[in-house]
């Protein structure tokens, strides 16, 4: 007996029809009927009376509604109890959170943990991350990840680089000097989320008397494009350089860094915790 069959059964019971359950599950009516037929075959019971107006629960079906809820609840408890022993690590991955450190360490980690597996889950909404994600990489930010139950482990730092406007005269430089920012509009991460940016902002303001700073909350290609259209220089962590044309990325000769590491769920599996420790040991101080 499978949980998806039980969930399908409960949805059919709630909707009073196969088509209603199918619509809610985004599958075909035939697929729903096949699952119910299979469940009835496993149980050797008739759970629904089929009519031209829909379906109704049989006496056995009404009893099984209560039992199905109990089975699903017990299944969830069992999964939670065994989660820390699982061999698969679910890694969140998005355009702004590429698994750079994980990819570098994974093959050596696998040699010591032969049964381990990794599966990637696309991050579509950073305000509502999937409950299945065990960990993902990124710069340290207090929001929106900590309030979603993630903890942060610093593994290394990411140096800031500059994304230049395409027509900027400084584009010919191989490297920017801090004096090049004199009188320029510079776009940086908002320190209300990225606390380490507060110190960086202070350094820029202390060293450059005539700098105009603008802040952004989340980094997207739209934010980069806006800055380039307005002829603004944008400072971003080095690992985010993929947001712009490589020819527009310039190294800087001053040492501004932001903490970089892993966001993880504190109750993640022992294997996940082992991977975090391995990454931290390999990249700490780099």
C-alpha atoms as a PDB file:
ATOM      1  CA  UNK A   1       0.000   0.000   0.000  1.00  0.00           C
ATOM      2  CA  UNK A   2       1.369   3.412  -0.987  1.00  0.00           C
ATOM      3  CA  UNK A   3       0.715   6.850   0.482  1.00  0.00           C
ATOM      4  CA  UNK A   4      -0.278   8.283  -2.905  1.00  0.00           C
ATOM      5  CA  UNK A   5      -3.067   5.684  -3.159  1.00  0.00           C
ATOM      6  CA  UNK A   6      -4.325   6.663   0.300  1.00  0.00           C
ATOM      7  CA  UNK A   7      -4.198  10.373  -0.551  1.00  0.00           C
ATOM      8  CA  UNK A   8      -6.082   9.701  -3.770  1.00  0.00           C
ATOM      9  CA  UNK A   9      -8.704   7.686  -1.871  1.00  0.00           C
ATOM     10  CA  UNK A  10      -9.253  10.532   0.616  1.00  0.00           C
ATOM     11  CA  UNK A  11      -9.556  13.100  -2.176  1.00  0.00           C
ATOM     12  CA  UNK A  12     -12.153  10.982  -4.006  1.00  0.00           C
ATOM     13  CA  UNK A  13     -14.074  10.585  -0.730  1.00  0.00           C
ATOM     14  CA  UNK A  14     -13.936  14.342  -0.138  1.00  0.00           C
ATOM     15  CA  UNK A  15     -14.986  15.304  -3.675  1.00  0.00           C
ATOM     16  CA  UNK A  16     -17.523  12.511  -4.194  1.00  0.00           C
ATOM     17  CA  UNK A  17     -16.167  11.930  -7.686  1.00  0.00           C
ATOM     18  CA  UNK A  18     -13.136  10.694  -9.577  1.00  0.00           C
ATOM     19  CA  UNK A  19     -13.102  13.759 -11.804  1.00  0.00           C
ATOM     20  CA  UNK A  20     -13.107  16.145  -8.811  1.00  0.00           C
ATOM     21  CA  UNK A  21     -10.117  14.363  -7.282  1.00  0.00           C
ATOM     22  CA  UNK A  22      -8.359  14.296 -10.679  1.00  0.00           C
ATOM     23  CA  UNK A  23      -8.786  18.063 -11.073  1.00  0.00           C
ATOM     24  CA  UNK A  24      -7.342  18.698  -7.626  1.00  0.00           C
ATOM     25  CA  UNK A  25      -4.368  16.401  -8.292  1.00  0.00           C
ATOM     26  CA  UNK A  26      -3.744  17.653 -11.859  1.00  0.00           C
ATOM     27  CA  UNK A  27      -3.923  14.120 -13.276  1.00  0.00           C
ATOM     28  CA  UNK A  28      -6.436  12.313 -15.493  1.00  0.00           C
ATOM     29  CA  UNK A  29      -9.676  10.782 -14.261  1.00  0.00           C
ATOM     30  CA  UNK A  30      -8.496   7.382 -15.546  1.00  0.00           C
ATOM     31  CA  UNK A  31      -5.310   7.652 -13.466  1.00  0.00           C
ATOM     32  CA  UNK A  32      -7.406   8.263 -10.339  1.00  0.00           C
ATOM     33  CA  UNK A  33      -9.683   5.312 -11.122  1.00  0.00           C
ATOM     34  CA  UNK A  34      -6.650   3.043 -11.655  1.00  0.00           C
ATOM     35  CA  UNK A  35      -5.243   3.988  -8.238  1.00  0.00           C
ATOM     36  CA  UNK A  36      -8.565   3.335  -6.518  1.00  0.00           C
ATOM     37  CA  UNK A  37      -9.009  -0.013  -8.328  1.00  0.00           C
ATOM     38  CA  UNK A  38      -5.487  -1.007  -7.266  1.00  0.00           C
ATOM     39  CA  UNK A  39      -6.153  -0.007  -3.649  1.00  0.00           C
ATOM     40  CA  UNK A  40      -9.411  -1.959  -3.566  1.00  0.00           C
ATOM     41  CA  UNK A  41      -7.595  -4.973  -5.033  1.00  0.00           C
ATOM     42  CA  UNK A  42      -4.885  -4.795  -2.350  1.00  0.00           C
ATOM     43  CA  UNK A  43      -7.459  -4.559   0.420  1.00  0.00           C
ATOM     44  CA  UNK A  44      -9.935  -7.019  -1.156  1.00  0.00           C
ATOM     45  CA  UNK A  45     -12.655  -4.432  -0.423  1.00  0.00           C
ATOM     46  CA  UNK A  46     -15.096  -2.246  -2.317  1.00  0.00           C
ATOM     47  CA  UNK A  47     -14.554   1.283  -1.061  1.00  0.00           C
ATOM     48  CA  UNK A  48     -16.913   3.215  -3.357  1.00  0.00           C
ATOM     49  CA  UNK A  49     -20.307   2.707  -4.896  1.00  0.00           C
ATOM     50  CA  UNK A  50     -20.040   3.908  -8.506  1.00  0.00           C
ATOM     51  CA  UNK A  51     -23.060   5.711  -9.977  1.00  0.00           C
ATOM     52  CA  UNK A  52     -23.661   7.965 -12.964  1.00  0.00           C
ATOM     53  CA  UNK A  53     -23.833  10.916 -10.540  1.00  0.00           C
ATOM     54  CA  UNK A  54     -20.504  10.220  -8.844  1.00  0.00           C
ATOM     55  CA  UNK A  55     -19.311   7.909  -6.097  1.00  0.00           C
ATOM     56  CA  UNK A  56     -20.348   7.284  -2.501  1.00  0.00           C
ATOM     57  CA  UNK A  57     -18.495   5.492   0.248  1.00  0.00           C
ATOM     58  CA  UNK A  58     -19.448   1.943   1.125  1.00  0.00           C
ATOM     59  CA  UNK A  59     -19.584   0.878   4.774  1.00  0.00           C
ATOM     60  CA  UNK A  60     -16.017  -0.402   4.389  1.00  0.00           C
ATOM     61  CA  UNK A  61     -15.038   2.879   2.740  1.00  0.00           C
ATOM     62  CA  UNK A  62     -16.374   4.946   5.627  1.00  0.00           C
ATOM     63  CA  UNK A  63     -14.353   2.894   8.117  1.00  0.00           C
ATOM     64  CA  UNK A  64     -11.272   3.122   5.913  1.00  0.00           C
ATOM     65  CA  UNK A  65     -11.409   6.942   5.785  1.00  0.00           C
ATOM     66  CA  UNK A  66     -10.523   7.072   9.475  1.00  0.00           C
ATOM     67  CA  UNK A  67      -7.915   4.309   9.124  1.00  0.00           C
ATOM     68  CA  UNK A  68      -6.297   6.001   6.107  1.00  0.00           C
ATOM     69  CA  UNK A  69      -5.745   9.175   8.132  1.00  0.00           C
ATOM     70  CA  UNK A  70      -4.125   7.101  10.896  1.00  0.00           C
ATOM     71  CA  UNK A  71      -1.850   5.291   8.398  1.00  0.00           C
ATOM     72  CA  UNK A  72      -0.715   8.544   6.791  1.00  0.00           C
ATOM     73  CA  UNK A  73      -0.027  10.109  10.186  1.00  0.00           C
ATOM     74  CA  UNK A  74       1.969   7.048  11.285  1.00  0.00           C
ATOM     75  CA  UNK A  75       3.852   7.061   7.965  1.00  0.00           C
ATOM     76  CA  UNK A  76       4.831  10.704   8.497  1.00  0.00           C
ATOM     77  CA  UNK A  77       6.049   9.905  12.032  1.00  0.00           C
ATOM     78  CA  UNK A  78       8.112   6.964  10.765  1.00  0.00           C
ATOM     79  CA  UNK A  79       9.652   9.078   8.000  1.00  0.00           C
ATOM     80  CA  UNK A  80      10.537  11.793  10.504  1.00  0.00           C
ATOM     81  CA  UNK A  81      12.121   9.243  12.885  1.00  0.00           C
ATOM     82  CA  UNK A  82      14.221   7.716  10.107  1.00  0.00           C
ATOM     83  CA  UNK A  83      15.069  10.952   8.281  1.00  0.00           C
ATOM     84  CA  UNK A  84      18.432  11.356  10.007  1.00  0.00           C
ATOM     85  CA  UNK A  85      19.579   8.004   8.574  1.00  0.00           C
ATOM     86  CA  UNK A  86      18.660   8.695   4.935  1.00  0.00           C
ATOM     87  CA  UNK A  87      21.249   8.273   2.181  1.00  0.00           C
ATOM     88  CA  UNK A  88      19.933  11.064  -0.053  1.00  0.00           C
ATOM     89  CA  UNK A  89      20.738  14.744   0.465  1.00  0.00           C
ATOM     90  CA  UNK A  90      18.326  17.212  -1.125  1.00  0.00           C
ATOM     91  CA  UNK A  91      20.148  20.350  -2.244  1.00  0.00           C
ATOM     92  CA  UNK A  92      18.394  23.576  -3.193  1.00  0.00           C
ATOM     93  CA  UNK A  93      19.768  25.084  -6.381  1.00  0.00           C
ATOM     94  CA  UNK A  94      18.852  28.288  -8.177  1.00  0.00           C
ATOM     95  CA  UNK A  95      20.340  30.874 -10.491  1.00  0.00           C
ATOM     96  CA  UNK A  96      21.527  32.842  -7.444  1.00  0.00           C
ATOM     97  CA  UNK A  97      22.599  29.785  -5.441  1.00  0.00           C
ATOM     98  CA  UNK A  98      24.802  27.503  -7.564  1.00  0.00           C
ATOM     99  CA  UNK A  99      26.243  24.534  -5.607  1.00  0.00           C
ATOM    100  CA  UNK A 100      29.882  25.569  -6.107  1.00  0.00           C
ATOM    101  CA  UNK A 101      31.400  24.143  -2.908  1.00  0.00           C
ATOM    102  CA  UNK A 102      29.239  21.017  -2.997  1.00  0.00           C
ATOM    103  CA  UNK A 103      30.336  20.136  -6.532  1.00  0.00           C
ATOM    104  CA  UNK A 104      34.004  20.588  -5.644  1.00  0.00           C
ATOM    105  CA  UNK A 105      33.857  18.211  -2.693  1.00  0.00           C
ATOM    106  CA  UNK A 106      31.196  15.713  -3.761  1.00  0.00           C
ATOM    107  CA  UNK A 107      33.327  13.116  -5.601  1.00  0.00           C
ATOM    108  CA  UNK A 108      35.843  12.822  -2.775  1.00  0.00           C
ATOM    109  CA  UNK A 109      32.960  12.712  -0.269  1.00  0.00           C
ATOM    110  CA  UNK A 110      31.318   9.936  -2.280  1.00  0.00           C
ATOM    111  CA  UNK A 111      34.428   7.761  -2.061  1.00  0.00           C
ATOM    112  CA  UNK A 112      34.077   7.728   1.719  1.00  0.00           C
ATOM    113  CA  UNK A 113      30.272   7.465   1.663  1.00  0.00           C
ATOM    114  CA  UNK A 114      29.501   5.028  -1.150  1.00  0.00           C
ATOM    115  CA  UNK A 115      25.733   4.804  -0.568  1.00  0.00           C
ATOM    116  CA  UNK A 116      25.199   8.556  -0.462  1.00  0.00           C
ATOM    117  CA  UNK A 117      23.170  10.283  -3.172  1.00  0.00           C
ATOM    118  CA  UNK A 118      22.394  13.872  -3.993  1.00  0.00           C
ATOM    119  CA  UNK A 119      19.269  15.307  -5.595  1.00  0.00           C
ATOM    120  CA  UNK A 120      18.765  18.927  -6.612  1.00  0.00           C
ATOM    121  CA  UNK A 121      15.551  20.850  -6.025  1.00  0.00           C
ATOM    122  CA  UNK A 122      14.999  23.988  -8.077  1.00  0.00           C
ATOM    123  CA  UNK A 123      14.528  27.107  -5.950  1.00  0.00           C
ATOM    124  CA  UNK A 124      11.631  28.993  -7.496  1.00  0.00           C
ATOM    125  CA  UNK A 125      10.484  31.118  -4.553  1.00  0.00           C
ATOM    126  CA  UNK A 126      13.065  32.305  -2.017  1.00  0.00           C
ATOM    127  CA  UNK A 127      10.338  33.442   0.379  1.00  0.00           C
ATOM    128  CA  UNK A 128       8.845  29.940   0.522  1.00  0.00           C
ATOM    129  CA  UNK A 129      11.579  27.346   0.164  1.00  0.00           C
ATOM    130  CA  UNK A 130      10.580  23.709  -0.251  1.00  0.00           C
ATOM    131  CA  UNK A 131      10.330  21.761   3.004  1.00  0.00           C
ATOM    132  CA  UNK A 132      12.297  18.975   1.295  1.00  0.00           C
ATOM    133  CA  UNK A 133      15.467  21.064   0.896  1.00  0.00           C
ATOM    134  CA  UNK A 134      18.194  19.969   3.313  1.00  0.00           C
ATOM    135  CA  UNK A 135      20.770  22.622   2.408  1.00  0.00           C
ATOM    136  CA  UNK A 136      21.870  25.164  -0.195  1.00  0.00           C
ATOM    137  CA  UNK A 137      24.770  27.572  -0.702  1.00  0.00           C
ATOM    138  CA  UNK A 138      24.848  31.338  -0.507  1.00  0.00           C
ATOM    139  CA  UNK A 139      26.138  34.489   1.174  1.00  0.00           C
ATOM    140  CA  UNK A 140      25.023  35.046   4.738  1.00  0.00           C
ATOM    141  CA  UNK A 141      21.733  36.934   4.924  1.00  0.00           C
ATOM    142  CA  UNK A 142      19.446  37.183   7.928  1.00  0.00           C
ATOM    143  CA  UNK A 143      16.359  37.178   5.750  1.00  0.00           C
ATOM    144  CA  UNK A 144      14.471  35.433   4.303  1.00  0.00           C
ATOM    145  CA  UNK A 145      16.165  32.119   5.143  1.00  0.00           C
ATOM    146  CA  UNK A 146      16.606  32.089   8.939  1.00  0.00           C
ATOM    147  CA  UNK A 147      12.924  32.691   9.565  1.00  0.00           C
ATOM    148  CA  UNK A 148      12.187  29.622   7.401  1.00  0.00           C
ATOM    149  CA  UNK A 149      14.047  27.399   9.833  1.00  0.00           C
ATOM    150  CA  UNK A 150      17.485  27.300   8.220  1.00  0.00           C
ATOM    151  CA  UNK A 151      20.774  27.765  10.070  1.00  0.00           C
ATOM    152  CA  UNK A 152      23.942  29.093   8.437  1.00  0.00           C
ATOM    153  CA  UNK A 153      27.438  27.604   8.474  1.00  0.00           C
ATOM    154  CA  UNK A 154      30.232  29.887   7.250  1.00  0.00           C
ATOM    155  CA  UNK A 155      32.650  27.914   5.070  1.00  0.00           C
ATOM    156  CA  UNK A 156      34.646  30.637   3.330  1.00  0.00           C
ATOM    157  CA  UNK A 157      34.276  34.182   1.997  1.00  0.00           C
ATOM    158  CA  UNK A 158      33.396  35.553  -1.415  1.00  0.00           C
ATOM    159  CA  UNK A 159      35.326  38.600  -2.597  1.00  0.00           C
ATOM    160  CA  UNK A 160      33.354  41.412  -4.185  1.00  0.00           C
ATOM    161  CA  UNK A 161      33.833  42.114  -7.886  1.00  0.00           C
ATOM    162  CA  UNK A 162      32.469  44.947 -10.008  1.00  0.00           C
ATOM    163  CA  UNK A 163      29.926  44.657 -12.808  1.00  0.00           C
ATOM    164  CA  UNK A 164      30.537  47.571 -15.159  1.00  0.00           C
ATOM    165  CA  UNK A 165      28.150  49.372 -17.531  1.00  0.00           C
ATOM    166  CA  UNK A 166      28.981  48.321 -21.136  1.00  0.00           C
ATOM    167  CA  UNK A 167      29.887  51.856 -22.270  1.00  0.00           C
ATOM    168  CA  UNK A 168      31.915  52.800 -19.179  1.00  0.00           C
ATOM    169  CA  UNK A 169      35.441  54.167 -19.930  1.00  0.00           C
ATOM    170  CA  UNK A 170      36.789  51.970 -17.116  1.00  0.00           C
ATOM    171  CA  UNK A 171      35.780  48.848 -19.032  1.00  0.00           C
ATOM    172  CA  UNK A 172      39.257  48.812 -20.582  1.00  0.00           C
ATOM    173  CA  UNK A 173      40.857  48.341 -17.144  1.00  0.00           C
ATOM    174  CA  UNK A 174      41.828  44.851 -16.011  1.00  0.00           C
ATOM    175  CA  UNK A 175      41.270  45.848 -12.401  1.00  0.00           C
ATOM    176  CA  UNK A 176      39.513  48.689 -10.610  1.00  0.00           C
ATOM    177  CA  UNK A 177      41.136  50.821  -7.915  1.00  0.00           C
ATOM    178  CA  UNK A 178      39.058  52.100  -5.051  1.00  0.00           C
ATOM    179  CA  UNK A 179      39.786  55.657  -6.234  1.00  0.00           C
ATOM    180  CA  UNK A 180      37.918  54.820  -9.472  1.00  0.00           C
ATOM    181  CA  UNK A 181      34.675  54.968  -7.479  1.00  0.00           C
ATOM    182  CA  UNK A 182      35.136  58.681  -6.708  1.00  0.00           C
ATOM    183  CA  UNK A 183      32.002  60.538  -7.755  1.00  0.00           C
ATOM    184  CA  UNK A 184      30.348  57.371  -9.062  1.00  0.00           C
ATOM    185  CA  UNK A 185      26.966  55.842  -8.357  1.00  0.00           C
ATOM    186  CA  UNK A 186      27.707  52.406  -6.838  1.00  0.00           C
ATOM    187  CA  UNK A 187      25.119  49.716  -6.179  1.00  0.00           C
ATOM    188  CA  UNK A 188      25.661  47.300  -3.258  1.00  0.00           C
ATOM    189  CA  UNK A 189      23.738  44.668  -1.286  1.00  0.00           C
ATOM    190  CA  UNK A 190      21.326  45.972   1.357  1.00  0.00           C
ATOM    191  CA  UNK A 191      22.893  45.630   4.807  1.00  0.00           C
ATOM    192  CA  UNK A 192      19.491  45.105   6.427  1.00  0.00           C
ATOM    193  CA  UNK A 193      19.681  41.541   5.117  1.00  0.00           C
ATOM    194  CA  UNK A 194      23.425  41.115   4.550  1.00  0.00           C
ATOM    195  CA  UNK A 195      24.903  42.353   7.846  1.00  0.00           C
ATOM    196  CA  UNK A 196      28.501  42.021   6.650  1.00  0.00           C
ATOM    197  CA  UNK A 197      27.716  44.687   4.036  1.00  0.00           C
ATOM    198  CA  UNK A 198      27.422  47.261   6.834  1.00  0.00           C
ATOM    199  CA  UNK A 199      31.186  47.138   7.387  1.00  0.00           C
ATOM    200  CA  UNK A 200      31.853  47.236   3.632  1.00  0.00           C
ATOM    201  CA  UNK A 201      29.612  50.281   3.252  1.00  0.00           C
ATOM    202  CA  UNK A 202      31.516  52.037   6.044  1.00  0.00           C
ATOM    203  CA  UNK A 203      34.876  51.270   4.369  1.00  0.00           C
ATOM    204  CA  UNK A 204      33.671  52.708   1.062  1.00  0.00           C
ATOM    205  CA  UNK A 205      32.324  55.858   2.703  1.00  0.00           C
ATOM    206  CA  UNK A 206      35.511  56.368   4.759  1.00  0.00           C
ATOM    207  CA  UNK A 207      37.853  55.954   1.799  1.00  0.00           C
ATOM    208  CA  UNK A 208      35.796  57.816  -0.820  1.00  0.00           C
ATOM    209  CA  UNK A 209      34.445  61.232   0.040  1.00  0.00           C
ATOM    210  CA  UNK A 210      32.171  61.589  -2.971  1.00  0.00           C
ATOM    211  CA  UNK A 211      30.574  58.167  -3.449  1.00  0.00           C
ATOM    212  CA  UNK A 212      26.853  57.679  -4.033  1.00  0.00           C
ATOM    213  CA  UNK A 213      25.596  54.347  -2.727  1.00  0.00           C
ATOM    214  CA  UNK A 214      22.392  52.636  -3.775  1.00  0.00           C
ATOM    215  CA  UNK A 215      21.214  49.363  -2.237  1.00  0.00           C
ATOM    216  CA  UNK A 216      19.328  46.363  -3.536  1.00  0.00           C
ATOM    217  CA  UNK A 217      17.554  43.702  -1.452  1.00  0.00           C
ATOM    218  CA  UNK A 218      17.816  40.754  -3.815  1.00  0.00           C
ATOM    219  CA  UNK A 219      20.129  40.295  -6.751  1.00  0.00           C
ATOM    220  CA  UNK A 220      18.513  39.447 -10.084  1.00  0.00           C
ATOM    221  CA  UNK A 221      19.344  39.965 -13.736  1.00  0.00           C
ATOM    222  CA  UNK A 222      16.736  42.761 -13.737  1.00  0.00           C
ATOM    223  CA  UNK A 223      18.658  44.618 -10.995  1.00  0.00           C
ATOM    224  CA  UNK A 224      21.905  44.184 -12.959  1.00  0.00           C
ATOM    225  CA  UNK A 225      20.296  45.439 -16.172  1.00  0.00           C
ATOM    226  CA  UNK A 226      18.830  48.473 -14.390  1.00  0.00           C
ATOM    227  CA  UNK A 227      22.262  49.400 -13.011  1.00  0.00           C
ATOM    228  CA  UNK A 228      23.879  49.076 -16.436  1.00  0.00           C
ATOM    229  CA  UNK A 229      21.240  51.230 -18.130  1.00  0.00           C
ATOM    230  CA  UNK A 230      21.826  53.925 -15.481  1.00  0.00           C
ATOM    231  CA  UNK A 231      25.645  53.684 -15.901  1.00  0.00           C
ATOM    232  CA  UNK A 232      26.080  52.475 -12.313  1.00  0.00           C
ATOM    233  CA  UNK A 233      28.849  50.227 -11.031  1.00  0.00           C
ATOM    234  CA  UNK A 234      27.517  47.218  -9.152  1.00  0.00           C
ATOM    235  CA  UNK A 235      29.490  45.355  -6.481  1.00  0.00           C
ATOM    236  CA  UNK A 236      28.510  41.687  -6.175  1.00  0.00           C
ATOM    237  CA  UNK A 237      30.000  38.569  -4.553  1.00  0.00           C
ATOM    238  CA  UNK A 238      32.361  36.844  -6.966  1.00  0.00           C
ATOM    239  CA  UNK A 239      30.251  33.676  -7.193  1.00  0.00           C
ATOM    240  CA  UNK A 240      27.402  35.759  -8.670  1.00  0.00           C
ATOM    241  CA  UNK A 241      29.506  36.938 -11.611  1.00  0.00           C
ATOM    242  CA  UNK A 242      27.416  34.683 -13.878  1.00  0.00           C
ATOM    243  CA  UNK A 243      24.670  37.348 -13.781  1.00  0.00           C
ATOM    244  CA  UNK A 244      26.524  39.493 -16.310  1.00  0.00           C
ATOM    245  CA  UNK A 245      28.629  39.286 -19.453  1.00  0.00           C
ATOM    246  CA  UNK A 246      32.130  38.060 -18.391  1.00  0.00           C
ATOM    247  CA  UNK A 247      33.640  41.022 -20.248  1.00  0.00           C
ATOM    248  CA  UNK A 248      31.838  43.392 -17.865  1.00  0.00           C
ATOM    249  CA  UNK A 249      33.257  41.789 -14.701  1.00  0.00           C
ATOM    250  CA  UNK A 250      36.265  43.554 -13.181  1.00  0.00           C
ATOM    251  CA  UNK A 251      38.415  42.528 -10.251  1.00  0.00           C
ATOM    252  CA  UNK A 252      38.975  45.162  -7.599  1.00  0.00           C
ATOM    253  CA  UNK A 253      42.255  45.901  -5.848  1.00  0.00           C
ATOM    254  CA  UNK A 254      40.713  46.359  -2.405  1.00  0.00           C
ATOM    255  CA  UNK A 255      39.831  43.444  -0.133  1.00  0.00           C
ATOM    256  CA  UNK A 256      36.087  43.498   0.438  1.00  0.00           C
ATOM    257  CA  UNK A 257      34.578  40.118   1.293  1.00  0.00           C
ATOM    258  CA  UNK A 258      31.248  38.693   2.366  1.00  0.00           C
ATOM    259  CA  UNK A 259      30.660  35.484   4.351  1.00  0.00           C
ATOM    260  CA  UNK A 260      29.774  32.507   2.171  1.00  0.00           C
ATOM    261  CA  UNK A 261      28.627  29.047   3.205  1.00  0.00           C
ATOM    262  CA  UNK A 262      25.753  26.640   3.629  1.00  0.00           C
ATOM    263  CA  UNK A 263      22.188  27.123   4.776  1.00  0.00           C
ATOM    264  CA  UNK A 264      20.934  23.895   6.309  1.00  0.00           C
ATOM    265  CA  UNK A 265      18.104  22.517   8.367  1.00  0.00           C
ATOM    266  CA  UNK A 266      19.269  21.707  11.937  1.00  0.00           C
ATOM    267  CA  UNK A 267      17.315  18.412  11.889  1.00  0.00           C
ATOM    268  CA  UNK A 268      18.823  17.242   8.586  1.00  0.00           C
ATOM    269  CA  UNK A 269      20.285  13.749   8.236  1.00  0.00           C
ATOM    270  CA  UNK A 270      23.570  12.574   9.708  1.00  0.00           C
ATOM    271  CA  UNK A 271      24.915  12.288   6.155  1.00  0.00           C
ATOM    272  CA  UNK A 272      23.960  15.899   5.430  1.00  0.00           C
ATOM    273  CA  UNK A 273      25.689  17.058   8.621  1.00  0.00           C
ATOM    274  CA  UNK A 274      28.752  15.058   7.616  1.00  0.00           C
ATOM    275  CA  UNK A 275      28.842  16.767   4.209  1.00  0.00           C
ATOM    276  CA  UNK A 276      28.570  20.192   5.853  1.00  0.00           C
ATOM    277  CA  UNK A 277      31.486  19.403   8.152  1.00  0.00           C
ATOM    278  CA  UNK A 278      33.553  18.111   5.215  1.00  0.00           C
ATOM    279  CA  UNK A 279      32.959  21.296   3.210  1.00  0.00           C
ATOM    280  CA  UNK A 280      33.685  23.509   6.207  1.00  0.00           C
ATOM    281  CA  UNK A 281      36.990  21.715   6.888  1.00  0.00           C
ATOM    282  CA  UNK A 282      38.073  21.919   3.234  1.00  0.00           C
ATOM    283  CA  UNK A 283      37.256  25.561   2.577  1.00  0.00           C
ATOM    284  CA  UNK A 284      37.663  27.269   5.939  1.00  0.00           C
ATOM    285  CA  UNK A 285      40.158  30.129   5.657  1.00  0.00           C
ATOM    286  CA  UNK A 286      40.101  30.175   1.858  1.00  0.00           C
END
